[in-house]
Amino acid sequence: MAVVSLLNVPDEHPAVRDAWFVRRCTVTPASAPGPLSDLLRLLGVQPSETAGELDFLIPLWRVRSGATLLHEGAPAECVHVVRSGTFKSLKTSEDGYEQVLGFAGPGEVLGFEALCRGQQPMSAVALEDSTVYALPVRSLDGWRQGSPALDHALQFALSRQLARVGEITEMMAAVAAEVRLARFLVWLSAHMLECGQSPRRLRLRMSRRDIASLLGVAHETVSRSFGSLVEWGYLRVDNREVEILDLDGLKAFKRSTRGFADQVSRRHGAGTAASPPARHAPVGVAA
């Protein structure tokens, strides 16, 4: 089921609201497909100008914010590559809890895990209006055989994503929630830098609850942890706008796996007692 914000939903007859949801939460074809050469560049591979394999087009889809691109348990029909926007991957437990497993942005592959069992092991929900390339599973083997560049690009992208899975696992190795959040922000900063964006000014597309689910803590804890990192001078936060004021310090802070008192003590001077985590998030830190 698609997850959408209730903001700006017309407050009218239920049929009108239902029509709004249907119109807003859709996955539709784009006006035109994209050339393979653009997909290769997106995946980090420079296409060869002499290659005759670049003549065909890749279907391109538009995904509205809140729409579900992949449904957990659905048949594996397409492998998607994010062209623009952001997605969260999640699994839903029997009691309805949504466990966030990761976030995907431009150049990342969605749905490849489904090929081994023929069905999607998780859902993928758009966090903003997005576009994706759709590679049909029935055609994928033939395309990879006919285009060594595409095969190489997919292998490169999947290898990069496996490395990021390890980085996300490393976030969970920290005991303190503040350290987990610091690791997440440093990870996101590095990802933004790879995409040619500012590594210090971050626009969080995901909610505090999504971050909390990924890190394995309560969403109130994430808000308090943001407050602590602000208090200690690492960040400036205004709702979902996060500015990293001390990136080197944040990287040093994230190295702790057992606690954070020693890092805070060193930051505030030798012999100074560690400041306790903020009990309440400061103004501008939304839950």
Protein backbone atom coordinates (compact mmCIF):
# COMPACT_ATOMS: atom_id res chain seq x y z
CA MET A 1 0.00 0.00 0.00
CA ALA A 2 1.35 3.39 -0.91
CA VAL A 3 2.31 5.70 1.92
CA VAL A 4 1.30 9.32 1.36
CA SER A 5 1.26 12.51 3.36
CA LEU A 6 -2.15 13.64 4.52
CA LEU A 7 -1.17 17.26 3.97
CA ASN A 8 -3.21 19.07 1.32
CA VAL A 9 -5.63 16.19 0.79
CA PRO A 10 -8.96 17.76 -0.25
CA ASP A 11 -11.34 17.82 2.73
CA GLU A 12 -14.40 16.86 0.74
CA HIS A 13 -16.55 13.83 0.01
CA PRO A 14 -14.71 10.47 0.48
CA ALA A 15 -15.01 9.74 -3.23
CA VAL A 16 -13.11 12.94 -3.99
CA ARG A 17 -10.38 12.04 -1.51
CA ASP A 18 -10.15 8.53 -3.00
CA ALA A 19 -9.78 10.01 -6.48
CA TRP A 20 -7.01 12.27 -5.17
CA PHE A 21 -5.12 9.28 -3.78
CA VAL A 22 -5.48 7.33 -7.03
CA ARG A 23 -4.27 10.30 -9.06
CA ARG A 24 -1.39 11.09 -6.70
CA CYS A 25 -0.08 7.60 -5.90
CA THR A 26 0.69 6.17 -9.30
CA VAL A 27 3.49 4.63 -11.29
CA THR A 28 3.14 5.71 -14.91
CA PRO A 29 5.21 5.59 -18.10
CA ALA A 30 7.27 8.70 -18.83
CA SER A 31 6.63 10.61 -22.03
CA ALA A 32 9.57 8.91 -23.74
CA PRO A 33 12.04 6.09 -22.99
CA GLY A 34 15.69 6.81 -22.29
CA PRO A 35 18.72 5.78 -24.37
CA LEU A 36 20.98 3.04 -23.04
CA SER A 37 23.94 5.44 -23.11
CA ASP A 38 22.24 7.64 -20.48
CA LEU A 39 21.60 4.60 -18.28
CA LEU A 40 25.25 3.54 -18.53
CA ARG A 41 26.47 6.99 -17.48
CA LEU A 42 24.03 6.93 -14.57
CA LEU A 43 25.51 3.62 -13.44
CA GLY A 44 29.02 5.07 -13.60
CA VAL A 45 30.19 3.55 -16.89
CA GLN A 46 31.23 5.68 -19.85
CA PRO A 47 29.70 4.21 -23.04
CA SER A 48 31.95 3.54 -26.01
CA GLU A 49 31.24 5.81 -28.96
CA THR A 50 31.95 2.95 -31.36
CA ALA A 51 29.63 0.47 -29.68
CA GLY A 52 26.65 -0.45 -31.84
CA GLU A 53 24.92 -1.81 -28.75
CA LEU A 54 23.63 1.59 -27.68
CA ASP A 55 20.88 1.86 -30.27
CA PHE A 56 17.96 0.63 -28.17
CA LEU A 57 15.88 2.54 -25.64
CA ILE A 58 15.07 1.68 -22.01
CA PRO A 59 11.53 2.16 -20.66
CA LEU A 60 11.33 5.06 -18.22
CA TRP A 61 8.68 5.35 -15.49
CA ARG A 62 7.52 8.19 -13.27
CA VAL A 63 6.79 7.35 -9.64
CA ARG A 64 4.78 9.76 -7.52
CA SER A 65 5.89 10.58 -3.98
CA GLY A 66 4.41 7.96 -1.66
CA ALA A 67 3.74 5.43 -4.42
CA THR A 68 4.96 1.85 -4.07
CA LEU A 69 7.18 0.85 -6.98
CA LEU A 70 7.86 -2.70 -5.78
CA HIS A 71 5.46 -4.71 -3.65
CA GLU A 72 6.80 -7.31 -1.24
CA GLY A 73 5.81 -10.78 -2.48
CA ALA A 74 4.88 -9.61 -5.99
CA PRO A 75 6.30 -11.45 -9.05
CA ALA A 76 9.68 -10.26 -10.30
CA GLU A 77 8.81 -8.46 -13.53
CA CYS A 78 11.36 -5.64 -13.76
CA VAL A 79 14.69 -4.57 -12.37
CA HIS A 80 14.70 -0.81 -11.83
CA VAL A 81 17.51 1.74 -11.82
CA VAL A 82 16.74 5.02 -10.06
CA ARG A 83 17.18 7.94 -12.46
CA SER A 84 16.03 10.68 -10.10
CA GLY A 85 14.49 10.88 -6.66
CA THR A 86 14.76 8.73 -3.54
CA PHE A 87 13.23 5.42 -2.42
CA LYS A 88 13.09 3.51 0.83
CA SER A 89 13.22 -0.29 0.91
CA LEU A 90 11.19 -1.98 3.62
CA LYS A 91 9.67 -5.22 4.85
CA THR A 92 6.32 -5.41 6.62
CA SER A 93 5.96 -7.78 9.58
CA GLU A 94 2.81 -9.72 10.43
CA ASP A 95 1.78 -7.09 12.97
CA GLY A 96 2.06 -4.34 10.35
CA TYR A 97 5.37 -2.84 11.48
CA GLU A 98 7.43 -1.48 8.58
CA GLN A 99 11.14 -2.19 8.96
CA VAL A 100 13.21 0.15 6.79
CA LEU A 101 16.18 -1.67 5.27
CA GLY A 102 17.79 1.11 3.26
CA PHE A 103 17.45 4.12 1.00
CA ALA A 104 18.21 4.30 -2.72
CA GLY A 105 18.98 7.30 -4.91
CA PRO A 106 20.12 7.96 -8.50
CA GLY A 107 22.21 5.18 -10.01
CA GLU A 108 21.07 2.52 -7.56
CA VAL A 109 19.33 -0.72 -8.54
CA LEU A 110 15.99 -1.88 -7.12
CA GLY A 111 14.51 -5.35 -7.46
CA PHE A 112 17.59 -7.35 -8.43
CA GLU A 113 17.26 -9.44 -5.26
CA ALA A 114 13.98 -10.83 -6.61
CA LEU A 115 15.60 -12.72 -9.49
CA CYS A 116 16.74 -15.70 -7.39
CA ARG A 117 13.25 -16.53 -6.07
CA GLY A 118 11.03 -14.93 -8.67
CA GLN A 119 9.31 -12.57 -6.25
CA GLN A 120 10.08 -9.33 -4.50
CA PRO A 121 11.61 -9.85 -1.03
CA MET A 122 10.81 -6.25 0.00
CA SER A 123 8.84 -3.18 -1.02
CA ALA A 124 10.22 0.04 -2.46
CA VAL A 125 8.36 3.31 -1.79
CA ALA A 126 9.15 6.68 -3.36
CA LEU A 127 10.04 9.41 -0.84
CA GLU A 128 9.63 12.11 -3.49
CA ASP A 129 8.52 12.33 -7.12
CA SER A 130 11.01 10.09 -8.90
CA THR A 131 11.85 8.43 -12.21
CA VAL A 132 13.27 4.96 -12.81
CA TYR A 133 14.52 2.93 -15.74
CA ALA A 134 12.66 -0.39 -16.03
CA LEU A 135 14.57 -3.41 -17.32
CA PRO A 136 12.09 -6.27 -17.93
CA VAL A 137 13.27 -9.52 -16.35
CA ARG A 138 12.24 -11.49 -19.45
CA SER A 139 14.57 -9.34 -21.57
CA LEU A 140 17.39 -8.74 -19.09
CA ASP A 141 19.57 -11.76 -19.94
CA GLY A 142 19.38 -11.02 -23.65
CA TRP A 143 20.19 -7.35 -23.10
CA ARG A 144 23.19 -8.20 -20.92
CA GLN A 145 24.50 -10.67 -23.49
CA GLY A 146 23.98 -8.21 -26.32
CA SER A 147 25.51 -5.32 -24.41
CA PRO A 148 28.70 -6.08 -22.45
CA ALA A 149 28.68 -2.44 -21.33
CA LEU A 150 25.27 -2.88 -19.67
CA ASP A 151 26.38 -6.13 -18.05
CA HIS A 152 29.50 -4.43 -16.68
CA ALA A 153 27.52 -1.41 -15.48
CA LEU A 154 25.03 -3.59 -13.57
CA GLN A 155 27.84 -5.58 -11.96
CA PHE A 156 29.57 -2.35 -10.93
CA ALA A 157 26.35 -0.91 -9.47
CA LEU A 158 25.53 -4.09 -7.56
CA SER A 159 29.06 -4.32 -6.16
CA ARG A 160 28.78 -0.73 -4.97
CA GLN A 161 25.45 -1.47 -3.30
CA LEU A 162 26.83 -4.56 -1.53
CA ALA A 163 29.54 -2.34 -0.08
CA ARG A 164 26.86 0.07 1.15
CA VAL A 165 24.97 -2.78 2.82
CA GLY A 166 28.10 -3.39 4.85
CA GLU A 167 28.21 0.29 5.76
CA ILE A 168 24.60 0.19 6.96
CA THR A 169 25.39 -2.90 9.04
CA GLU A 170 28.29 -1.01 10.60
CA MET A 171 25.85 1.68 11.77
CA MET A 172 24.17 -0.91 13.96
CA ALA A 173 27.45 -1.88 15.67
CA ALA A 174 27.39 1.28 17.80
CA VAL A 175 25.73 1.09 21.22
CA ALA A 176 24.85 4.77 21.56
CA ALA A 177 22.01 6.14 19.44
CA GLU A 178 23.97 9.37 18.93
CA VAL A 179 26.81 7.41 17.35
CA ARG A 180 24.41 5.46 15.11
CA LEU A 181 22.92 8.73 13.90
CA ALA A 182 26.38 10.22 13.36
CA ARG A 183 27.33 7.20 11.23
CA PHE A 184 24.15 7.59 9.21
CA LEU A 185 24.80 11.27 8.57
CA VAL A 186 28.43 10.65 7.56
CA TRP A 187 27.24 7.84 5.26
CA LEU A 188 24.63 10.13 3.70
CA SER A 189 27.20 12.93 3.37
CA ALA A 190 29.55 10.63 1.44
CA HIS A 191 26.69 9.52 -0.80
CA MET A 192 25.79 13.14 -1.57
CA LEU A 193 29.40 13.87 -2.45
CA GLU A 194 29.43 10.92 -4.88
CA CYS A 195 26.35 12.41 -6.56
CA GLY A 196 28.08 15.78 -6.98
CA GLN A 197 26.09 17.48 -4.22
CA SER A 198 27.17 19.25 -1.06
CA PRO A 199 28.42 16.83 1.61
CA ARG A 200 27.63 19.35 4.34
CA ARG A 201 24.15 20.61 3.48
CA LEU A 202 21.75 17.69 3.53
CA ARG A 203 18.07 17.66 2.66
CA LEU A 204 16.59 14.61 4.40
CA ARG A 205 14.02 13.01 2.10
CA MET A 206 13.20 10.41 4.74
CA SER A 207 11.30 11.01 7.97
CA ARG A 208 12.66 10.69 11.50
CA ARG A 209 10.62 7.47 11.80
CA ASP A 210 12.31 6.04 8.69
CA ILE A 211 15.75 6.87 10.09
CA ALA A 212 14.81 5.36 13.45
CA SER A 213 13.59 2.16 11.81
CA LEU A 214 16.82 1.82 9.84
CA LEU A 215 18.97 2.42 12.94
CA GLY A 216 16.90 0.19 15.22
CA VAL A 217 15.86 2.87 17.73
CA ALA A 218 12.67 4.72 18.65
CA HIS A 219 11.88 7.81 16.59
CA GLU A 220 11.87 9.90 19.80
CA THR A 221 15.45 8.72 20.34
CA VAL A 222 16.43 9.96 16.88
CA SER A 223 15.01 13.41 17.66
CA ARG A 224 16.91 13.51 20.98
CA SER A 225 20.08 12.36 19.21
CA PHE A 226 19.74 15.16 16.67
CA GLY A 227 19.38 17.53 19.61
CA SER A 228 22.56 16.19 21.21
CA LEU A 229 24.61 16.52 18.02
CA VAL A 230 23.32 20.08 17.65
CA GLU A 231 24.18 20.89 21.27
CA TRP A 232 27.70 19.50 20.85
CA GLY A 233 28.30 21.69 17.79
CA TYR A 234 28.35 19.08 15.05
CA LEU A 235 25.13 20.11 13.28
CA ARG A 236 22.63 22.84 12.58
CA VAL A 237 19.12 21.46 12.01
CA ASP A 238 16.01 23.12 10.63
CA ASN A 239 13.31 20.48 10.17
CA ARG A 240 14.67 18.28 7.35
CA GLU A 241 17.46 20.68 6.45
CA VAL A 242 20.70 19.52 8.12
CA GLU A 243 23.98 21.40 7.91
CA ILE A 244 27.08 19.58 9.12
CA LEU A 245 29.16 22.23 10.87
CA ASP A 246 32.07 19.98 11.85
CA LEU A 247 32.40 17.09 9.40
CA ASP A 248 35.83 16.01 10.65
CA GLY A 249 34.59 16.05 14.23
CA LEU A 250 31.49 14.06 13.29
CA LYS A 251 33.67 11.46 11.54
CA ALA A 252 35.83 11.17 14.66
CA PHE A 253 32.74 10.87 16.86
CA LYS A 254 31.22 8.08 14.77
CA ARG A 255 34.22 5.79 15.35
CA SER A 256 33.05 4.87 18.84
CA THR A 257 31.35 1.46 19.07
CA ARG A 258 30.83 1.20 22.84
CA GLY A 259 29.87 4.70 23.90
CA PHE A 260 30.42 8.39 23.36
CA ALA A 261 31.45 9.93 26.69
CA ASP A 262 35.16 9.98 25.88
CA GLN A 263 34.57 11.68 22.50
CA VAL A 264 32.41 14.39 24.06
CA SER A 265 34.95 14.91 26.86
CA ARG A 266 37.78 15.39 24.40
CA ARG A 267 35.64 17.78 22.34
CA HIS A 268 34.92 20.00 25.38
CA GLY A 269 38.42 19.82 26.84
CA ALA A 270 40.42 17.39 28.95
CA GLY A 271 39.00 16.76 32.37
CA THR A 272 35.56 18.09 31.47
CA ALA A 273 32.68 15.78 32.21
CA ALA A 274 30.77 14.56 29.19
CA SER A 275 27.58 16.44 28.50
CA PRO A 276 24.53 14.17 28.77
CA PRO A 277 22.33 13.72 25.70
CA ALA A 278 19.74 16.47 25.27
CA ARG A 279 16.45 15.49 26.84
CA HIS A 280 14.46 17.47 24.33
CA ALA A 281 15.19 18.31 20.71
CA PRO A 282 15.82 22.02 20.16
CA VAL A 283 13.53 24.18 18.11
CA GLY A 284 13.64 23.11 14.46
CA VAL A 285 14.28 19.40 15.09
CA ALA A 286 11.06 17.74 13.98
CA ALA A 287 10.02 14.30 15.12
